[in-house]
Amino acid sequence: MAACIHSLAGNETVASPFSLESADNQSKIRNSQCRFAKICKPSFQNLVSNNPIKWFRQQAEEEEDVLWVKIREEALRDMEKEPILSKYYCSSILVHDSLESALSNQLAAKLSNADLPSSTMKDVFGGVLAEDEEIRKAIRADLEAVKERDPACISYTHCFLNFKGFLACQAQRVAHKLWSQGRIVMALLIQSRVSEVFAVDIHPGAKLGNGVVLDHATGIVVGETTVIGDNVTILHNVTLGGTGKVNGDRHPKVGDGVLIGAGTKVLGSIRVGDKAKIGAGSVVLKEVPPGSTSVGNPARLVVPRS
């Protein structure tokens, strides 16, 4: 690599960019740098698409993504209100050809560090999103769910850029795909980075439905064999965990349309039925029937007044 750098530095003369005679030299330098990047950039054999960004662009041309159009329009309006954020909105949203490209970039920027470059993380996220149509659908369902069910969400763009619950959820979806492909080390690395950065710890083995809202999200812990249905809302400091007494299938199964209040602990391989509600601070150790409300420590069913 040192030889490559030395060759670039020694063979090319960088002319002033303001000189009319500099165009050819500048072009040569760019070409040399491109060749150097191709040689030195690591390859990821497991990525389905060799160029996920190109794939995203083709998809966007084939079918109009209404939600992505809305996000870009919102970004432009936000830039008019806060011109100082123009560079941020451009690099995070407007320069991208698709929602998946922008999300890959956003997650990579948040989860990278000095030893884990953003470019590497972007390749990993982009490769998975290009491959999995179900994840792409889930991303949009999650955005719609947050906008609809969280009164604090002022726009899709606000959620996309600033809601760590949404970002943690999408990172877990990618990690789960990697986990199912046997890429255990990468999946667990993403889990670890999400836990460190967002304070949300969801095992890559957990299965998430569509339209999931992690409201506030801080302190949420979800175990490996947990299954979460569609249109579920989970508030901060919720644990979907095991009792510590068994191995194997040991975590909760949460049905569709469930609401789990802040600070709740649901422990063991128990079922929380569709459209059930669990009050804040509850400790749930037994099955919660569909459509019921459960509160307390230990949790008990609330009987409606006749």
C-alpha atoms as a PDB file:
ATOM      1  CA  MET A   1       0.000   0.000   0.000  1.00  0.00           C
ATOM      2  CA  ALA A   2       2.918   2.333   0.835  1.00  0.00           C
ATOM      3  CA  ALA A   3       4.309   1.653  -2.632  1.00  0.00           C
ATOM      4  CA  CYS A   4       0.981   2.576  -4.193  1.00  0.00           C
ATOM      5  CA  ILE A   5       0.907   5.864  -2.297  1.00  0.00           C
ATOM      6  CA  HIS A   6       4.520   6.599  -3.176  1.00  0.00           C
ATOM      7  CA  SER A   7       3.781   5.937  -6.837  1.00  0.00           C
ATOM      8  CA  LEU A   8       0.830   8.275  -6.808  1.00  0.00           C
ATOM      9  CA  ALA A   9       2.763  10.999  -5.069  1.00  0.00           C
ATOM     10  CA  GLY A  10       5.861  10.607  -7.226  1.00  0.00           C
ATOM     11  CA  ASN A  11       4.396  10.256 -10.706  1.00  0.00           C
ATOM     12  CA  GLU A  12       1.621  12.854 -10.640  1.00  0.00           C
ATOM     13  CA  THR A  13       2.068  16.612 -10.367  1.00  0.00           C
ATOM     14  CA  VAL A  14      -0.891  18.421  -8.904  1.00  0.00           C
ATOM     15  CA  ALA A  15      -1.454  21.644 -10.818  1.00  0.00           C
ATOM     16  CA  SER A  16      -3.326  24.540  -9.383  1.00  0.00           C
ATOM     17  CA  PRO A  17      -7.058  23.927  -9.689  1.00  0.00           C
ATOM     18  CA  PHE A  18      -7.400  27.546 -10.809  1.00  0.00           C
ATOM     19  CA  SER A  19      -5.054  27.080 -13.760  1.00  0.00           C
ATOM     20  CA  LEU A  20      -6.486  26.631 -17.261  1.00  0.00           C
ATOM     21  CA  GLU A  21      -3.704  24.132 -17.943  1.00  0.00           C
ATOM     22  CA  SER A  22      -4.553  21.940 -14.956  1.00  0.00           C
ATOM     23  CA  ALA A  23      -7.518  20.000 -16.400  1.00  0.00           C
ATOM     24  CA  ASP A  24      -5.511  17.142 -17.930  1.00  0.00           C
ATOM     25  CA  ASN A  25      -3.349  16.717 -14.858  1.00  0.00           C
ATOM     26  CA  GLN A  26      -6.371  16.817 -12.578  1.00  0.00           C
ATOM     27  CA  SER A  27      -8.053  14.138 -14.702  1.00  0.00           C
ATOM     28  CA  LYS A  28      -4.954  11.926 -14.547  1.00  0.00           C
ATOM     29  CA  ILE A  29      -4.771  12.285 -10.790  1.00  0.00           C
ATOM     30  CA  ARG A  30      -8.425  11.365 -10.367  1.00  0.00           C
ATOM     31  CA  ASN A  31      -7.945   8.315 -12.591  1.00  0.00           C
ATOM     32  CA  SER A  32      -4.909   7.233 -10.585  1.00  0.00           C
ATOM     33  CA  GLN A  33      -6.770   7.667  -7.335  1.00  0.00           C
ATOM     34  CA  CYS A  34      -9.663   5.597  -8.700  1.00  0.00           C
ATOM     35  CA  ARG A  35      -7.267   2.815  -9.698  1.00  0.00           C
ATOM     36  CA  PHE A  36      -5.676   2.969  -6.242  1.00  0.00           C
ATOM     37  CA  ALA A  37      -9.096   2.776  -4.556  1.00  0.00           C
ATOM     38  CA  LYS A  38     -10.061  -0.285  -6.607  1.00  0.00           C
ATOM     39  CA  ILE A  39      -6.849  -2.091  -5.620  1.00  0.00           C
ATOM     40  CA  CYS A  40      -6.947  -1.261  -1.920  1.00  0.00           C
ATOM     41  CA  LYS A  41     -10.694  -1.372  -1.175  1.00  0.00           C
ATOM     42  CA  PRO A  42     -11.762  -4.639   0.501  1.00  0.00           C
ATOM     43  CA  SER A  43     -14.268  -6.820  -1.325  1.00  0.00           C
ATOM     44  CA  PHE A  44     -17.324  -8.350   0.336  1.00  0.00           C
ATOM     45  CA  GLN A  45     -18.005 -11.704  -1.302  1.00  0.00           C
ATOM     46  CA  ASN A  46     -21.312 -12.227   0.501  1.00  0.00           C
ATOM     47  CA  LEU A  47     -22.977  -9.088  -0.819  1.00  0.00           C
ATOM     48  CA  VAL A  48     -25.731  -9.943  -3.282  1.00  0.00           C
ATOM     49  CA  SER A  49     -25.154  -6.784  -5.289  1.00  0.00           C
ATOM     50  CA  ASN A  50     -21.636  -5.671  -6.271  1.00  0.00           C
ATOM     51  CA  ASN A  51     -22.968  -2.146  -6.574  1.00  0.00           C
ATOM     52  CA  PRO A  52     -26.023  -1.674  -4.327  1.00  0.00           C
ATOM     53  CA  ILE A  53     -26.204   2.050  -5.024  1.00  0.00           C
ATOM     54  CA  LYS A  54     -26.525   1.389  -8.764  1.00  0.00           C
ATOM     55  CA  TRP A  55     -29.209  -1.194  -7.998  1.00  0.00           C
ATOM     56  CA  PHE A  56     -31.138   1.336  -5.860  1.00  0.00           C
ATOM     57  CA  ARG A  57     -31.026   3.859  -8.698  1.00  0.00           C
ATOM     58  CA  GLN A  58     -32.442   1.328 -11.147  1.00  0.00           C
ATOM     59  CA  GLN A  59     -35.247   0.457  -8.734  1.00  0.00           C
ATOM     60  CA  ALA A  60     -36.130   4.116  -8.239  1.00  0.00           C
ATOM     61  CA  GLU A  61     -36.372   4.565 -12.010  1.00  0.00           C
ATOM     62  CA  GLU A  62     -38.626   1.526 -12.396  1.00  0.00           C
ATOM     63  CA  GLU A  63     -41.164   2.473  -9.751  1.00  0.00           C
ATOM     64  CA  GLU A  64     -41.911   5.768  -8.054  1.00  0.00           C
ATOM     65  CA  ASP A  65     -41.333   5.604  -4.309  1.00  0.00           C
ATOM     66  CA  VAL A  66     -43.999   7.944  -2.916  1.00  0.00           C
ATOM     67  CA  LEU A  67     -42.614   7.950   0.621  1.00  0.00           C
ATOM     68  CA  TRP A  68     -39.101   8.750  -0.570  1.00  0.00           C
ATOM     69  CA  VAL A  69     -40.482  11.647  -2.626  1.00  0.00           C
ATOM     70  CA  LYS A  70     -42.215  12.996   0.516  1.00  0.00           C
ATOM     71  CA  ILE A  71     -39.003  12.747   2.533  1.00  0.00           C
ATOM     72  CA  ARG A  72     -37.054  14.676  -0.086  1.00  0.00           C
ATOM     73  CA  GLU A  73     -39.768  17.356  -0.252  1.00  0.00           C
ATOM     74  CA  GLU A  74     -39.735  17.684   3.543  1.00  0.00           C
ATOM     75  CA  ALA A  75     -35.951  17.983   3.495  1.00  0.00           C
ATOM     76  CA  LEU A  76     -36.143  20.855   1.019  1.00  0.00           C
ATOM     77  CA  ARG A  77     -38.710  22.655   3.182  1.00  0.00           C
ATOM     78  CA  ASP A  78     -36.554  22.167   6.267  1.00  0.00           C
ATOM     79  CA  MET A  79     -33.577  23.628   4.431  1.00  0.00           C
ATOM     80  CA  GLU A  80     -35.596  26.742   3.641  1.00  0.00           C
ATOM     81  CA  LYS A  81     -36.403  27.148   7.339  1.00  0.00           C
ATOM     82  CA  GLU A  82     -32.871  26.356   8.539  1.00  0.00           C
ATOM     83  CA  PRO A  83     -30.360  27.149   5.774  1.00  0.00           C
ATOM     84  CA  ILE A  84     -27.490  26.402   8.160  1.00  0.00           C
ATOM     85  CA  LEU A  85     -28.481  22.708   7.943  1.00  0.00           C
ATOM     86  CA  SER A  86     -28.366  22.596   4.137  1.00  0.00           C
ATOM     87  CA  LYS A  87     -25.131  20.594   3.941  1.00  0.00           C
ATOM     88  CA  TYR A  88     -26.460  18.080   6.468  1.00  0.00           C
ATOM     89  CA  TYR A  89     -29.735  17.571   4.606  1.00  0.00           C
ATOM     90  CA  CYS A  90     -27.954  17.299   1.269  1.00  0.00           C
ATOM     91  CA  SER A  91     -25.473  14.651   2.438  1.00  0.00           C
ATOM     92  CA  SER A  92     -28.061  12.720   4.460  1.00  0.00           C
ATOM     93  CA  ILE A  93     -30.973  12.756   1.993  1.00  0.00           C
ATOM     94  CA  LEU A  94     -30.841  14.815  -1.178  1.00  0.00           C
ATOM     95  CA  VAL A  95     -27.717  13.335  -2.780  1.00  0.00           C
ATOM     96  CA  HIS A  96     -29.157   9.815  -2.524  1.00  0.00           C
ATOM     97  CA  ASP A  97     -31.170   8.063  -5.214  1.00  0.00           C
ATOM     98  CA  SER A  98     -33.339   6.022  -2.856  1.00  0.00           C
ATOM     99  CA  LEU A  99     -34.506   5.589   0.717  1.00  0.00           C
ATOM    100  CA  GLU A 100     -32.297   2.502   1.056  1.00  0.00           C
ATOM    101  CA  SER A 101     -29.186   4.358  -0.070  1.00  0.00           C
ATOM    102  CA  ALA A 102     -29.866   7.193   2.385  1.00  0.00           C
ATOM    103  CA  LEU A 103     -30.610   4.741   5.215  1.00  0.00           C
ATOM    104  CA  SER A 104     -27.405   2.788   4.563  1.00  0.00           C
ATOM    105  CA  ASN A 105     -25.501   6.057   4.743  1.00  0.00           C
ATOM    106  CA  GLN A 106     -27.297   7.196   7.908  1.00  0.00           C
ATOM    107  CA  LEU A 107     -26.760   3.932   9.776  1.00  0.00           C
ATOM    108  CA  ALA A 108     -23.130   3.760   8.685  1.00  0.00           C
ATOM    109  CA  ALA A 109     -22.486   7.315   9.868  1.00  0.00           C
ATOM    110  CA  LYS A 110     -24.046   6.594  13.261  1.00  0.00           C
ATOM    111  CA  LEU A 111     -22.509   3.171  13.903  1.00  0.00           C
ATOM    112  CA  SER A 112     -19.005   3.528  12.481  1.00  0.00           C
ATOM    113  CA  ASN A 113     -15.936   4.308  14.548  1.00  0.00           C
ATOM    114  CA  ALA A 114     -12.188   4.721  14.055  1.00  0.00           C
ATOM    115  CA  ASP A 115     -11.632   1.001  13.502  1.00  0.00           C
ATOM    116  CA  LEU A 116     -14.910   0.352  11.672  1.00  0.00           C
ATOM    117  CA  PRO A 117     -15.036   2.758   8.707  1.00  0.00           C
ATOM    118  CA  SER A 118     -18.289   4.251   7.536  1.00  0.00           C
ATOM    119  CA  SER A 119     -17.615   2.973   4.009  1.00  0.00           C
ATOM    120  CA  THR A 120     -17.392  -0.605   5.281  1.00  0.00           C
ATOM    121  CA  MET A 121     -20.638  -0.346   7.227  1.00  0.00           C
ATOM    122  CA  LYS A 122     -22.387   1.289   4.284  1.00  0.00           C
ATOM    123  CA  ASP A 123     -21.382  -1.623   2.042  1.00  0.00           C
ATOM    124  CA  VAL A 124     -22.788  -4.105   4.557  1.00  0.00           C
ATOM    125  CA  PHE A 125     -26.109  -2.288   5.045  1.00  0.00           C
ATOM    126  CA  GLY A 126     -26.458  -1.502   1.350  1.00  0.00           C
ATOM    127  CA  GLY A 127     -25.824  -5.088   0.314  1.00  0.00           C
ATOM    128  CA  VAL A 128     -28.511  -6.472   2.613  1.00  0.00           C
ATOM    129  CA  LEU A 129     -31.095  -3.828   1.704  1.00  0.00           C
ATOM    130  CA  ALA A 130     -30.520  -4.422  -2.002  1.00  0.00           C
ATOM    131  CA  GLU A 131     -31.120  -8.122  -1.475  1.00  0.00           C
ATOM    132  CA  ASP A 132     -34.179  -8.228   0.776  1.00  0.00           C
ATOM    133  CA  GLU A 133     -37.490  -6.844  -0.455  1.00  0.00           C
ATOM    134  CA  GLU A 134     -39.236  -7.683   2.830  1.00  0.00           C
ATOM    135  CA  ILE A 135     -36.874  -5.417   4.757  1.00  0.00           C
ATOM    136  CA  ARG A 136     -37.489  -2.616   2.267  1.00  0.00           C
ATOM    137  CA  LYS A 137     -41.234  -2.951   2.853  1.00  0.00           C
ATOM    138  CA  ALA A 138     -40.724  -3.049   6.630  1.00  0.00           C
ATOM    139  CA  ILE A 139     -38.681   0.172   6.569  1.00  0.00           C
ATOM    140  CA  ARG A 140     -41.550   2.040   4.956  1.00  0.00           C
ATOM    141  CA  ALA A 141     -44.129   0.461   7.254  1.00  0.00           C
ATOM    142  CA  ASP A 142     -42.071   1.542  10.270  1.00  0.00           C
ATOM    143  CA  LEU A 143     -41.813   5.111   9.002  1.00  0.00           C
ATOM    144  CA  GLU A 144     -45.553   5.265   8.394  1.00  0.00           C
ATOM    145  CA  ALA A 145     -46.236   3.786  11.843  1.00  0.00           C
ATOM    146  CA  VAL A 146     -44.061   6.298  13.680  1.00  0.00           C
ATOM    147  CA  LYS A 147     -45.616   9.207  11.791  1.00  0.00           C
ATOM    148  CA  GLU A 148     -49.119   7.922  12.559  1.00  0.00           C
ATOM    149  CA  ARG A 149     -48.751   6.760  16.178  1.00  0.00           C
ATOM    150  CA  ASP A 150     -46.155   9.092  17.712  1.00  0.00           C
ATOM    151  CA  PRO A 151     -47.520  12.619  18.294  1.00  0.00           C
ATOM    152  CA  ALA A 152     -43.964  13.906  18.725  1.00  0.00           C
ATOM    153  CA  CYS A 153     -43.045  12.992  15.133  1.00  0.00           C
ATOM    154  CA  ILE A 154     -43.407  16.132  13.037  1.00  0.00           C
ATOM    155  CA  SER A 155     -42.394  14.590   9.691  1.00  0.00           C
ATOM    156  CA  TYR A 156     -41.009  11.501   7.999  1.00  0.00           C
ATOM    157  CA  THR A 157     -37.687  13.286   7.645  1.00  0.00           C
ATOM    158  CA  HIS A 158     -37.626  14.051  11.362  1.00  0.00           C
ATOM    159  CA  CYS A 159     -38.097  10.348  12.120  1.00  0.00           C
ATOM    160  CA  PHE A 160     -35.554   9.225   9.530  1.00  0.00           C
ATOM    161  CA  LEU A 161     -32.802  11.529  10.773  1.00  0.00           C
ATOM    162  CA  ASN A 162     -33.452  11.839  14.497  1.00  0.00           C
ATOM    163  CA  PHE A 163     -35.456   8.931  15.930  1.00  0.00           C
ATOM    164  CA  LYS A 164     -32.999   6.413  17.339  1.00  0.00           C
ATOM    165  CA  GLY A 165     -35.785   3.886  17.882  1.00  0.00           C
ATOM    166  CA  PHE A 166     -36.455   3.822  14.135  1.00  0.00           C
ATOM    167  CA  LEU A 167     -32.750   3.602  13.285  1.00  0.00           C
ATOM    168  CA  ALA A 168     -32.120   0.868  15.864  1.00  0.00           C
ATOM    169  CA  CYS A 169     -35.030  -1.119  14.449  1.00  0.00           C
ATOM    170  CA  GLN A 170     -33.682  -0.935  10.886  1.00  0.00           C
ATOM    171  CA  ALA A 171     -30.175  -1.881  11.989  1.00  0.00           C
ATOM    172  CA  GLN A 172     -31.636  -4.936  13.743  1.00  0.00           C
ATOM    173  CA  ARG A 173     -33.491  -5.959  10.596  1.00  0.00           C
ATOM    174  CA  VAL A 174     -30.194  -5.995   8.711  1.00  0.00           C
ATOM    175  CA  ALA A 175     -28.481  -7.828  11.576  1.00  0.00           C
ATOM    176  CA  HIS A 176     -31.270 -10.428  11.623  1.00  0.00           C
ATOM    177  CA  LYS A 177     -30.789 -11.069   7.905  1.00  0.00           C
ATOM    178  CA  LEU A 178     -27.060 -11.550   8.439  1.00  0.00           C
ATOM    179  CA  TRP A 179     -27.787 -13.828  11.413  1.00  0.00           C
ATOM    180  CA  SER A 180     -30.090 -15.990   9.279  1.00  0.00           C
ATOM    181  CA  GLN A 181     -27.365 -16.227   6.609  1.00  0.00           C
ATOM    182  CA  GLY A 182     -24.850 -17.501   9.152  1.00  0.00           C
ATOM    183  CA  ARG A 183     -22.885 -14.243   9.295  1.00  0.00           C
ATOM    184  CA  ILE A 184     -23.003 -14.366  13.079  1.00  0.00           C
ATOM    185  CA  VAL A 185     -19.960 -12.218  13.814  1.00  0.00           C
ATOM    186  CA  MET A 186     -21.159  -9.300  11.689  1.00  0.00           C
ATOM    187  CA  ALA A 187     -24.691  -9.554  13.098  1.00  0.00           C
ATOM    188  CA  LEU A 188     -23.436  -9.462  16.679  1.00  0.00           C
ATOM    189  CA  LEU A 189     -21.114  -6.573  15.856  1.00  0.00           C
ATOM    190  CA  ILE A 190     -24.074  -4.521  14.623  1.00  0.00           C
ATOM    191  CA  GLN A 191     -26.015  -5.422  17.779  1.00  0.00           C
ATOM    192  CA  SER A 192     -23.109  -4.255  19.919  1.00  0.00           C
ATOM    193  CA  ARG A 193     -22.719  -0.945  18.067  1.00  0.00           C
ATOM    194  CA  VAL A 194     -26.473  -0.253  18.218  1.00  0.00           C
ATOM    195  CA  SER A 195     -26.417  -0.916  21.963  1.00  0.00           C
ATOM    196  CA  GLU A 196     -23.468   1.434  22.457  1.00  0.00           C
ATOM    197  CA  VAL A 197     -24.762   4.241  20.236  1.00  0.00           C
ATOM    198  CA  PHE A 198     -28.552   4.091  20.708  1.00  0.00           C
ATOM    199  CA  ALA A 199     -28.848   2.323  24.103  1.00  0.00           C
ATOM    200  CA  VAL A 200     -31.144  -0.234  22.450  1.00  0.00           C
ATOM    201  CA  ASP A 201     -30.156  -3.896  22.733  1.00  0.00           C
ATOM    202  CA  ILE A 202     -32.065  -6.190  20.353  1.00  0.00           C
ATOM    203  CA  HIS A 203     -30.562  -9.586  19.649  1.00  0.00           C
ATOM    204  CA  PRO A 204     -30.139 -10.277  15.906  1.00  0.00           C
ATOM    205  CA  GLY A 205     -32.010 -13.549  16.357  1.00  0.00           C
ATOM    206  CA  ALA A 206     -35.222 -11.740  17.353  1.00  0.00           C
ATOM    207  CA  LYS A 207     -37.939 -11.501  14.696  1.00  0.00           C
ATOM    208  CA  LEU A 208     -39.687  -8.165  14.143  1.00  0.00           C
ATOM    209  CA  GLY A 209     -42.921  -7.594  12.245  1.00  0.00           C
ATOM    210  CA  ASN A 210     -43.781  -4.532  10.176  1.00  0.00           C
ATOM    211  CA  GLY A 211     -44.956  -1.199  11.533  1.00  0.00           C
ATOM    212  CA  VAL A 212     -42.960  -1.449  14.764  1.00  0.00           C
ATOM    213  CA  VAL A 213     -42.554   1.706  16.861  1.00  0.00           C
ATOM    214  CA  LEU A 214     -39.835   1.916  19.508  1.00  0.00           C
ATOM    215  CA  ASP A 215     -40.951   5.113  21.230  1.00  0.00           C
ATOM    216  CA  HIS A 216     -38.062   6.986  22.907  1.00  0.00           C
ATOM    217  CA  ALA A 217     -36.325   3.567  22.784  1.00  0.00           C
ATOM    218  CA  THR A 218     -33.700   4.120  25.487  1.00  0.00           C
ATOM    219  CA  GLY A 219     -33.167   0.989  27.561  1.00  0.00           C
ATOM    220  CA  ILE A 220     -35.149  -1.433  25.387  1.00  0.00           C
ATOM    221  CA  VAL A 221     -33.819  -5.010  25.615  1.00  0.00           C
ATOM    222  CA  VAL A 222     -35.128  -7.813  23.389  1.00  0.00           C
ATOM    223  CA  GLY A 223     -33.922 -11.402  23.696  1.00  0.00           C
ATOM    224  CA  GLU A 224     -32.845 -13.841  20.994  1.00  0.00           C
ATOM    225  CA  THR A 225     -36.003 -15.939  20.614  1.00  0.00           C
ATOM    226  CA  THR A 226     -38.455 -13.045  20.902  1.00  0.00           C
ATOM    227  CA  VAL A 227     -41.059 -12.642  18.166  1.00  0.00           C
ATOM    228  CA  ILE A 228     -42.760  -9.258  17.727  1.00  0.00           C
ATOM    229  CA  GLY A 229     -45.830  -8.961  15.504  1.00  0.00           C
ATOM    230  CA  ASP A 230     -47.029  -6.184  13.211  1.00  0.00           C
ATOM    231  CA  ASN A 231     -48.022  -2.693  14.389  1.00  0.00           C
ATOM    232  CA  VAL A 232     -46.537  -3.101  17.866  1.00  0.00           C
ATOM    233  CA  THR A 233     -45.602  -0.079  19.997  1.00  0.00           C
ATOM    234  CA  ILE A 234     -42.917  -0.468  22.665  1.00  0.00           C
ATOM    235  CA  LEU A 235     -41.908   2.364  24.971  1.00  0.00           C
ATOM    236  CA  HIS A 236     -38.579   2.975  26.685  1.00  0.00           C
ATOM    237  CA  ASN A 237     -36.980   0.678  29.292  1.00  0.00           C
ATOM    238  CA  VAL A 238     -39.004  -2.348  28.196  1.00  0.00           C
ATOM    239  CA  THR A 239     -37.444  -5.791  28.548  1.00  0.00           C
ATOM    240  CA  LEU A 240     -38.644  -8.767  26.533  1.00  0.00           C
ATOM    241  CA  GLY A 241     -36.428 -11.297  28.232  1.00  0.00           C
ATOM    242  CA  GLY A 242     -36.019 -14.745  29.713  1.00  0.00           C
ATOM    243  CA  THR A 243     -36.465 -15.976  33.277  1.00  0.00           C
ATOM    244  CA  GLY A 244     -32.950 -17.401  33.391  1.00  0.00           C
ATOM    245  CA  LYS A 245     -34.280 -20.887  34.085  1.00  0.00           C
ATOM    246  CA  VAL A 246     -34.408 -22.428  30.607  1.00  0.00           C
ATOM    247  CA  ASN A 247     -32.458 -22.616  27.373  1.00  0.00           C
ATOM    248  CA  GLY A 248     -33.774 -22.675  23.826  1.00  0.00           C
ATOM    249  CA  ASP A 249     -37.063 -20.865  23.190  1.00  0.00           C
ATOM    250  CA  ARG A 250     -37.149 -18.642  26.265  1.00  0.00           C
ATOM    251  CA  HIS A 251     -38.464 -15.211  25.275  1.00  0.00           C
ATOM    252  CA  PRO A 252     -41.913 -13.625  24.746  1.00  0.00           C
ATOM    253  CA  LYS A 253     -44.095 -13.883  21.662  1.00  0.00           C
ATOM    254  CA  VAL A 254     -45.858 -10.546  21.100  1.00  0.00           C
ATOM    255  CA  GLY A 255     -48.929 -10.473  18.854  1.00  0.00           C
ATOM    256  CA  ASP A 256     -50.106  -7.819  16.403  1.00  0.00           C
ATOM    257  CA  GLY A 257     -51.227  -4.380  17.556  1.00  0.00           C
ATOM    258  CA  VAL A 258     -49.839  -4.711  21.090  1.00  0.00           C
ATOM    259  CA  LEU A 259     -48.917  -1.698  23.250  1.00  0.00           C
ATOM    260  CA  ILE A 260     -46.233  -2.212  25.914  1.00  0.00           C
ATOM    261  CA  GLY A 261     -45.847   0.652  28.393  1.00  0.00           C
ATOM    262  CA  ALA A 262     -42.614   2.177  29.664  1.00  0.00           C
ATOM    263  CA  GLY A 263     -40.550   0.139  32.102  1.00  0.00           C
ATOM    264  CA  THR A 264     -42.465  -3.100  31.533  1.00  0.00           C
ATOM    265  CA  LYS A 265     -40.748  -6.476  31.896  1.00  0.00           C
ATOM    266  CA  VAL A 266     -42.215  -9.416  29.983  1.00  0.00           C
ATOM    267  CA  LEU A 267     -40.294 -12.542  30.959  1.00  0.00           C
ATOM    268  CA  GLY A 268     -40.292 -16.072  29.641  1.00  0.00           C
ATOM    269  CA  SER A 269     -41.706 -17.802  26.574  1.00  0.00           C
ATOM    270  CA  ILE A 270     -45.211 -16.456  27.095  1.00  0.00           C
ATOM    271  CA  ARG A 271     -47.750 -15.122  24.647  1.00  0.00           C
ATOM    272  CA  VAL A 272     -49.029 -11.554  24.590  1.00  0.00           C
ATOM    273  CA  GLY A 273     -52.210 -11.707  22.514  1.00  0.00           C
ATOM    274  CA  ASP A 274     -53.169  -9.449  19.626  1.00  0.00           C
ATOM    275  CA  LYS A 275     -54.192  -5.889  20.580  1.00  0.00           C
ATOM    276  CA  ALA A 276     -53.354  -6.420  24.254  1.00  0.00           C
ATOM    277  CA  LYS A 277     -52.138  -3.494  26.365  1.00  0.00           C
ATOM    278  CA  ILE A 278     -49.613  -3.687  29.186  1.00  0.00           C
ATOM    279  CA  GLY A 279     -49.405  -0.796  31.644  1.00  0.00           C
ATOM    280  CA  ALA A 280     -46.184   1.008  32.492  1.00  0.00           C
ATOM    281  CA  GLY A 281     -43.935  -0.665  35.044  1.00  0.00           C
ATOM    282  CA  SER A 282     -45.678  -4.044  34.892  1.00  0.00           C
ATOM    283  CA  VAL A 283     -43.885  -7.356  35.354  1.00  0.00           C
ATOM    284  CA  VAL A 284     -45.578  -9.954  33.156  1.00  0.00           C
ATOM    285  CA  LEU A 285     -44.932 -13.625  33.878  1.00  0.00           C
ATOM    286  CA  LYS A 286     -48.116 -15.186  32.482  1.00  0.00           C
ATOM    287  CA  GLU A 287     -49.952 -15.132  29.176  1.00  0.00           C
ATOM    288  CA  VAL A 288     -51.885 -11.974  28.324  1.00  0.00           C
ATOM    289  CA  PRO A 289     -55.108 -12.758  26.393  1.00  0.00           C
ATOM    290  CA  PRO A 290     -55.903 -10.928  23.130  1.00  0.00           C
ATOM    291  CA  GLY A 291     -57.566  -7.545  23.598  1.00  0.00           C
ATOM    292  CA  SER A 292     -56.985  -7.456  27.349  1.00  0.00           C
ATOM    293  CA  THR A 293     -55.182  -4.954  29.584  1.00  0.00           C
ATOM    294  CA  SER A 294     -52.606  -6.108  32.089  1.00  0.00           C
ATOM    295  CA  VAL A 295     -51.010  -3.982  34.845  1.00  0.00           C
ATOM    296  CA  GLY A 296     -49.024  -4.305  38.047  1.00  0.00           C
ATOM    297  CA  ASN A 297     -46.206  -6.305  39.614  1.00  0.00           C
ATOM    298  CA  PRO A 298     -46.905  -9.107  39.172  1.00  0.00           C
ATOM    299  CA  ALA A 299     -49.203  -8.173  36.313  1.00  0.00           C
ATOM    300  CA  ARG A 300     -52.915  -8.911  36.615  1.00  0.00           C
ATOM    301  CA  LEU A 301     -55.734  -8.485  34.135  1.00  0.00           C
ATOM    302  CA  VAL A 302     -57.926  -5.414  34.398  1.00  0.00           C
ATOM    303  CA  VAL A 303     -61.587  -6.396  34.365  1.00  0.00           C
ATOM    304  CA  PRO A 304     -63.710  -3.762  32.562  1.00  0.00           C
ATOM    305  CA  ARG A 305     -66.449  -2.201  34.636  1.00  0.00           C
ATOM    306  CA  SER A 306     -69.914  -3.302  33.596  1.00  0.00           C
END
